[in-house]
Structure formats: C-alpha cells, structure tokens
N, C-alpha and C. Protein backbone atom coordinates (compact mmCIF):
# COMPACT_ATOMS: atom_id res chain seq x y z
N MET A 1 0.78 -1.35 -0.05
CA MET A 1 0.09 -0.09 -0.08
C MET A 1 1.00 1.45 -0.03
N SER A 2 0.63 2.09 -1.04
CA SER A 2 1.49 3.33 -0.84
C SER A 2 1.03 4.17 0.43
N SER A 3 1.88 5.26 0.37
CA SER A 3 1.46 6.27 1.65
C SER A 3 0.29 6.93 1.05
N ARG A 4 -0.03 6.98 -0.26
CA ARG A 4 -1.19 8.16 -0.63
C ARG A 4 -2.52 7.03 -0.25
N ASP A 5 -2.34 5.65 -0.51
CA ASP A 5 -3.72 4.86 -0.01
C ASP A 5 -3.93 5.05 1.27
N GLY A 6 -2.71 4.80 2.19
CA GLY A 6 -2.75 5.01 3.42
C GLY A 6 -3.55 6.04 4.13
N SER A 7 -2.89 7.42 3.81
CA SER A 7 -3.81 8.58 3.82
C SER A 7 -4.87 8.53 3.51
N ALA A 8 -5.46 8.05 2.24
CA ALA A 8 -6.61 8.12 1.77
C ALA A 8 -7.76 7.22 2.84
N ARG A 9 -7.02 6.24 3.08
CA ARG A 9 -7.90 5.02 4.08
C ARG A 9 -8.08 5.97 5.63
N LEU A 10 -7.34 6.48 5.93
CA LEU A 10 -7.44 7.36 7.23
C LEU A 10 -8.37 8.35 7.19
N ARG A 11 -8.42 9.20 5.79
CA ARG A 11 -9.24 10.22 5.58
C ARG A 11 -10.91 9.50 5.47
N LEU A 12 -10.78 8.44 4.97
CA LEU A 12 -12.12 7.74 4.82
C LEU A 12 -12.77 7.39 6.22
N PHE A 13 -11.87 6.58 7.08
CA PHE A 13 -11.71 6.23 8.53
C PHE A 13 -12.52 7.24 9.20
N LYS A 14 -11.84 8.69 9.16
CA LYS A 14 -12.17 9.96 9.93
C LYS A 14 -13.46 10.16 9.52
N ALA A 15 -13.79 10.32 8.40
CA ALA A 15 -15.33 10.45 7.63
C ALA A 15 -16.34 9.46 8.29
N LEU A 16 -15.99 7.92 8.13
CA LEU A 16 -16.94 7.16 8.80
C LEU A 16 -17.14 7.51 10.67
N ARG A 17 -16.04 7.90 10.96
CA ARG A 17 -16.42 8.25 12.36
C ARG A 17 -17.42 9.37 12.55
N ARG A 18 -16.96 9.82 11.67
CA ARG A 18 -17.95 11.72 11.97
C ARG A 18 -19.22 11.33 11.82
N ALA A 19 -19.76 10.22 10.68
CA ALA A 19 -21.07 9.87 10.44
C ALA A 19 -21.32 8.65 11.31
N ARG A 20 -20.74 8.69 12.49
CA ARG A 20 -21.25 7.83 13.56
C ARG A 20 -20.97 6.29 13.47
N TRP A 21 -20.13 5.81 12.49
CA TRP A 21 -19.86 4.40 12.08
C TRP A 21 -18.52 4.42 13.09
N ARG A 22 -18.58 3.00 13.21
CA ARG A 22 -17.48 2.52 14.28
C ARG A 22 -16.28 2.02 13.50
N VAL A 23 -15.01 2.22 13.97
CA VAL A 23 -14.00 1.71 13.09
C VAL A 23 -13.22 1.47 14.24
N GLU A 24 -12.55 0.12 14.27
CA GLU A 24 -11.26 -0.48 15.21
C GLU A 24 -10.48 -1.25 14.84
N MET A 25 -9.29 -1.08 15.24
CA MET A 25 -8.16 -2.18 14.99
C MET A 25 -8.65 -3.39 15.44
N GLY A 26 -8.59 -4.80 14.93
CA GLY A 26 -8.90 -5.64 15.63
C GLY A 26 -7.63 -6.23 16.16
N LYS A 27 -7.33 -7.68 17.02
CA LYS A 27 -6.27 -8.18 17.33
C LYS A 27 -5.45 -8.76 16.24
N SER A 28 -6.27 -8.99 15.26
CA SER A 28 -5.42 -9.68 13.82
C SER A 28 -4.87 -8.76 13.15
N GLY A 29 -5.12 -7.39 13.27
CA GLY A 29 -4.54 -6.36 12.64
C GLY A 29 -5.11 -6.05 11.56
N HIS A 30 -6.55 -6.23 11.53
CA HIS A 30 -7.30 -5.79 10.43
C HIS A 30 -8.37 -5.15 11.05
N TRP A 31 -8.75 -3.84 10.12
CA TRP A 31 -9.69 -2.91 10.46
C TRP A 31 -11.04 -3.24 10.25
N LYS A 32 -11.88 -3.24 11.36
CA LYS A 32 -13.52 -3.91 11.60
C LYS A 32 -14.39 -2.46 11.38
N ILE A 33 -15.23 -2.52 10.42
CA ILE A 33 -16.37 -1.22 10.67
C ILE A 33 -17.61 -1.84 10.89
N TRP A 34 -18.28 -1.13 11.63
CA TRP A 34 -19.74 -1.22 12.18
C TRP A 34 -20.37 -0.09 11.46
N ASN A 35 -21.62 -0.25 11.11
CA ASN A 35 -22.53 1.04 10.86
C ASN A 35 -23.02 1.31 12.07
N PRO A 36 -23.98 2.57 12.05
CA PRO A 36 -24.32 2.92 13.38
C PRO A 36 -25.41 1.99 13.96
N ARG A 37 -25.86 1.51 13.41
CA ARG A 37 -26.81 0.22 14.26
C ARG A 37 -26.30 -0.75 14.84
N GLY A 38 -24.88 -0.89 14.72
CA GLY A 38 -24.27 -1.97 15.21
C GLY A 38 -23.81 -3.21 14.52
N LEU A 39 -24.04 -3.09 13.19
CA LEU A 39 -24.00 -4.21 12.27
C LEU A 39 -22.39 -4.20 11.82
N LEU A 40 -21.91 -5.50 11.92
CA LEU A 40 -20.62 -5.49 11.32
C LEU A 40 -20.80 -5.49 9.83
N ILE A 41 -19.93 -4.27 9.14
CA ILE A 41 -20.03 -4.21 7.57
C ILE A 41 -19.10 -4.92 6.89
N THR A 42 -17.80 -4.75 7.26
CA THR A 42 -16.50 -5.27 6.67
C THR A 42 -15.28 -5.23 7.56
N THR A 43 -14.44 -6.03 6.96
CA THR A 43 -13.13 -6.04 7.43
C THR A 43 -11.95 -5.64 6.64
N THR A 44 -11.23 -4.88 6.82
CA THR A 44 -10.01 -4.46 5.88
C THR A 44 -8.67 -4.67 6.59
N PRO A 45 -7.67 -5.31 5.69
CA PRO A 45 -6.38 -5.24 6.28
C PRO A 45 -5.79 -3.94 6.74
N SER A 46 -4.92 -3.56 7.44
CA SER A 46 -4.49 -2.44 7.80
C SER A 46 -3.06 -2.15 6.74
N SER A 47 -2.40 -2.96 6.18
CA SER A 47 -1.79 -2.55 4.88
C SER A 47 -2.10 -3.97 3.79
N ALA A 48 -3.05 -3.31 2.99
CA ALA A 48 -3.12 -4.42 2.04
C ALA A 48 -2.22 -4.64 0.87
N SER A 49 -1.99 -5.58 0.30
CA SER A 49 -0.88 -5.84 -0.85
C SER A 49 -1.61 -5.54 -2.25
N ASP A 50 -2.84 -5.58 -2.30
CA ASP A 50 -3.58 -5.47 -3.39
C ASP A 50 -3.88 -3.84 -3.79
N THR A 51 -3.56 -3.36 -4.98
CA THR A 51 -3.68 -1.95 -5.30
C THR A 51 -4.94 -1.50 -5.12
N ASN A 52 -5.88 -2.26 -5.50
CA ASN A 52 -7.47 -2.19 -5.56
C ASN A 52 -8.05 -2.36 -3.92
N SER A 53 -7.49 -2.60 -3.21
CA SER A 53 -8.42 -2.73 -1.88
C SER A 53 -9.05 -1.46 -1.17
N LEU A 54 -8.71 -0.26 -1.33
CA LEU A 54 -8.92 0.96 -0.98
C LEU A 54 -10.53 1.00 -2.11
N ASN A 55 -10.24 0.87 -3.15
CA ASN A 55 -11.82 0.92 -4.22
C ASN A 55 -12.67 -0.17 -3.59
N ALA A 56 -12.16 -1.13 -3.51
CA ALA A 56 -13.24 -2.56 -3.02
C ALA A 56 -13.60 -1.97 -1.55
N LEU A 57 -13.08 -1.30 -0.72
CA LEU A 57 -13.55 -1.01 0.42
C LEU A 57 -14.59 0.05 0.28
N ARG A 58 -14.27 0.90 -0.45
CA ARG A 58 -15.28 1.86 -0.91
C ARG A 58 -16.29 1.40 -0.87
N ARG A 59 -16.17 0.53 -2.00
CA ARG A 59 -17.44 -0.26 -2.79
C ARG A 59 -18.38 -0.85 -1.68
N ASP A 60 -17.84 -1.70 -0.76
CA ASP A 60 -18.41 -2.30 0.09
C ASP A 60 -19.01 -1.28 1.29
N LEU A 61 -18.86 -0.35 1.46
CA LEU A 61 -19.35 0.81 2.27
C LEU A 61 -20.56 1.55 1.47
N ARG A 62 -20.03 1.74 0.37
CA ARG A 62 -21.28 2.36 -0.45
C ARG A 62 -22.65 1.21 -0.42
N LYS A 63 -22.25 0.15 -0.45
CA LYS A 63 -23.53 -0.89 -0.65
C LYS A 63 -24.09 -1.07 0.61
N ALA A 64 -23.27 -0.79 1.87
CA ALA A 64 -23.63 -0.71 3.12
C ALA A 64 -24.44 0.65 3.48
N GLY A 65 -24.35 1.55 2.52
CA GLY A 65 -25.28 2.78 2.79
C GLY A 65 -24.55 3.98 3.02
N PHE A 66 -23.04 3.81 3.00
CA PHE A 66 -22.21 4.87 3.59
C PHE A 66 -22.05 5.89 2.08
N GLN A 67 -22.46 7.00 2.37
CA GLN A 67 -22.11 8.05 1.03
C GLN A 67 -20.89 8.93 1.31
N HIS A 68 -20.02 9.14 0.60
CA HIS A 68 -18.90 10.01 0.82
C HIS A 68 -18.27 10.53 -0.57
N ASN A 69 -17.98 11.62 -0.68
CA ASN A 69 -17.45 12.14 -2.01
C ASN A 69 -16.18 12.07 -2.11
N GLY A 70 -15.17 11.46 -1.08
CA GLY A 70 -13.78 11.49 -1.34
C GLY A 70 -13.17 12.66 -1.03
N ARG A 71 -13.60 13.72 -0.60
CA ARG A 71 -12.98 14.98 -0.01
C ARG A 71 -12.96 15.15 1.72
N GLY A 72 -13.64 13.72 2.20
CA GLY A 72 -13.34 13.93 3.60
C GLY A 72 -14.80 14.53 4.39
N GLN A 73 -15.81 14.66 3.34
CA GLN A 73 -17.09 15.31 3.67
C GLN A 73 -18.38 14.36 3.10
N GLN A 74 -19.49 14.93 3.94
CA GLN A 74 -20.56 13.86 3.17
C GLN A 74 -21.08 15.04 2.09
N PRO A 75 -21.58 14.30 1.12
CA PRO A 75 -22.26 15.07 0.16
C PRO A 75 -23.45 15.97 0.79
N ARG A 76 -23.64 17.15 0.20
CA ARG A 76 -24.77 17.99 0.67
C ARG A 76 -25.87 17.58 -0.06
N LYS A 77 -27.11 17.65 0.88
CA LYS A 77 -28.44 17.26 0.68
C LYS A 77 -29.24 18.68 -0.15
N ILE A 78 -29.38 18.14 -1.53
CA ILE A 78 -30.29 19.33 -2.13
C ILE A 78 -31.59 19.24 -1.80
N PRO A 79 -32.04 20.12 -1.39
CA PRO A 79 -33.92 19.87 -1.27
C PRO A 79 -34.52 19.78 -2.38
N ASN A 80 -35.59 18.98 -2.53
CA ASN A 80 -36.44 18.97 -3.66
C ASN A 80 -37.26 20.40 -3.74
N GLN A 81 -37.23 20.78 -5.19
CA GLN A 81 -37.81 21.82 -5.76
C GLN A 81 -38.92 21.51 -6.41
N ARG A 82 -39.79 22.23 -6.12
CA ARG A 82 -41.11 21.94 -7.12
C ARG A 82 -41.10 22.93 -8.25
N ASN A 83 -41.91 22.63 -9.23
CA ASN A 83 -41.94 23.31 -10.28
C ASN A 83 -42.97 24.19 -10.27
N GLN A 84 -42.86 25.63 -10.11
CA GLN A 84 -43.91 26.36 -9.86
C GLN A 84 -44.66 26.83 -11.13
N PRO A 85 -45.70 26.78 -11.34
CA PRO A 85 -46.30 27.28 -12.85
C PRO A 85 -46.37 28.77 -12.88
N CYS A 86 -46.03 29.10 -14.14
CA CYS A 86 -45.87 30.38 -14.25
C CYS A 86 -47.32 31.11 -14.55
C-alpha cells in the first residue's frame, strides 16, 4: 500500500467516525467497520498488498449505505424543488 492509499484510508475512516460509524483495529491487525446500528459491515487489512483494496472498501461501504464524496465530507443534501406554474 502506498502512502497515498494509507492517507486516503485514514481520511475515509475519519469520515466514517464523523458519520457515527465505528472503526476499530482488531487483534488480527485488520480494521473492522460497524454501521451506526451496530452491524459489522466489513473488515479490511491495515496494509493491503492489493492496489485495488481501497476501491473495494469504498464499494463495500457504498453498498452498506455510506455515502462519501472522497474529500473528507458527506455530500450535501439538495432539497427537492417543486416546479412552480408560471
């Protein structure tokens, strides 16, 4: 894992914690991620040898309902706008 992947993974973990997800290091050296309801979502190695592991982690989190725009913050919610008759 390159240092870029490591820092991106740490930023992702920080965003998860801000969204009230639980991220902890297990005894095996793998990171464990739980959703806010307490369901274990995934585990990921602390230093992955696969260059695609960060993308796979993002995919798993997206499937579990976590939305992240990659810049360390949740995307903004845009309110629905009704079309007004002229």
